[in-house]
Amino acid sequence: MTTSNTPSNDDVIGGTSGDSTIKDPEDWVTGDEAMTGAQRSYLETLAREAGETLPADLTKAEASEHIDRLQAQTGRGASD
């Protein structure tokens, strides 16, 4: 029996059938870790623009949720 390292037609990356890479932040393995420096910096900008204050001890998941909310509120972020 021989094995081939060539991928079969069933082995694909990408495509248009749903995006299974988008996870709810509550389901992240590292979601309960402290937010990253990049998240903190971006949240500072968004919160300032929205006239809000946020706790400085957010988790990665909490920061992500605030980023999504504040992007919608301020009109920043990805445009569809």
Protein backbone atom coordinates (compact mmCIF):
# COMPACT_ATOMS: atom_id res chain seq x y z
CA MET A 1 0.00 0.00 0.00
CA THR A 2 1.36 3.41 -0.92
CA THR A 3 0.53 6.72 0.67
CA SER A 4 0.62 10.05 -1.05
CA ASN A 5 1.37 13.42 0.46
CA THR A 6 -0.76 15.03 -2.20
CA PRO A 7 -3.96 16.46 -0.71
CA SER A 8 -7.19 14.89 -1.83
CA ASN A 9 -9.97 16.98 -3.36
CA ASP A 10 -11.63 16.97 0.07
CA ASP A 11 -8.70 18.80 1.72
CA VAL A 12 -9.33 22.51 1.28
CA ILE A 13 -8.75 25.75 3.09
CA GLY A 14 -11.09 28.68 2.64
CA GLY A 15 -14.19 28.68 0.56
CA THR A 16 -17.51 30.40 0.89
CA SER A 17 -19.53 27.95 2.96
CA GLY A 18 -19.83 29.62 6.36
CA ASP A 19 -16.99 30.93 8.46
CA SER A 20 -16.16 28.48 11.20
CA THR A 21 -13.20 30.62 12.28
CA ILE A 22 -15.40 33.20 13.95
CA LYS A 23 -15.94 32.16 17.54
CA ASP A 24 -17.90 33.81 20.28
CA PRO A 25 -15.32 35.44 22.58
CA GLU A 26 -16.79 33.48 25.49
CA ASP A 27 -15.65 30.29 23.72
CA TRP A 28 -12.03 31.42 23.28
CA VAL A 29 -9.45 29.24 24.99
CA THR A 30 -7.48 32.36 25.99
CA GLY A 31 -10.52 34.58 26.47
CA ASP A 32 -10.01 34.85 30.22
CA GLU A 33 -6.44 36.14 29.88
CA ALA A 34 -5.73 39.86 30.26
CA MET A 35 -6.43 41.94 27.17
CA THR A 36 -3.51 42.52 24.84
CA GLY A 37 -1.67 45.80 24.53
CA ALA A 38 -3.16 46.31 21.08
CA GLN A 39 -6.68 45.78 22.42
CA ARG A 40 -6.05 48.24 25.26
CA SER A 41 -4.69 50.90 22.92
CA TYR A 42 -7.59 50.56 20.49
CA LEU A 43 -10.14 50.52 23.32
CA GLU A 44 -8.66 53.73 24.72
CA THR A 45 -9.20 55.40 21.34
CA LEU A 46 -12.73 54.01 20.89
CA ALA A 47 -13.81 54.79 24.45
CA ARG A 48 -12.49 58.35 24.18
CA GLU A 49 -14.41 58.88 20.92
CA ALA A 50 -17.57 57.41 22.45
CA GLY A 51 -17.18 59.41 25.66
CA GLU A 52 -17.03 56.25 27.78
CA THR A 53 -14.73 54.88 30.43
CA LEU A 54 -13.95 51.19 30.76
CA PRO A 55 -12.25 49.13 33.47
CA ALA A 56 -8.53 48.64 32.88
CA ASP A 57 -8.59 44.96 33.90
CA LEU A 58 -10.66 43.53 31.02
CA THR A 59 -10.05 40.05 29.66
CA LYS A 60 -9.34 39.42 25.99
CA ALA A 61 -12.93 38.29 25.47
CA GLU A 62 -14.42 41.29 27.28
CA ALA A 63 -12.16 43.66 25.37
CA SER A 64 -13.22 42.10 22.08
CA GLU A 65 -16.89 42.52 22.93
CA HIS A 66 -16.36 46.17 23.89
CA ILE A 67 -14.39 46.76 20.68
CA ASP A 68 -17.24 45.36 18.57
CA ARG A 69 -19.80 47.46 20.42
CA LEU A 70 -17.78 50.66 20.31
CA GLN A 71 -16.88 50.21 16.64
CA ALA A 72 -20.58 50.07 15.84
CA GLN A 73 -21.26 53.07 18.06
CA THR A 74 -18.45 55.23 16.63
CA GLY A 75 -18.67 54.05 13.03
CA ARG A 76 -15.12 52.65 13.08
CA GLY A 77 -14.08 49.18 12.07
CA ALA A 78 -14.89 46.98 9.13
CA SER A 79 -17.42 48.26 6.67
CA ASP A 80 -19.56 45.80 4.76
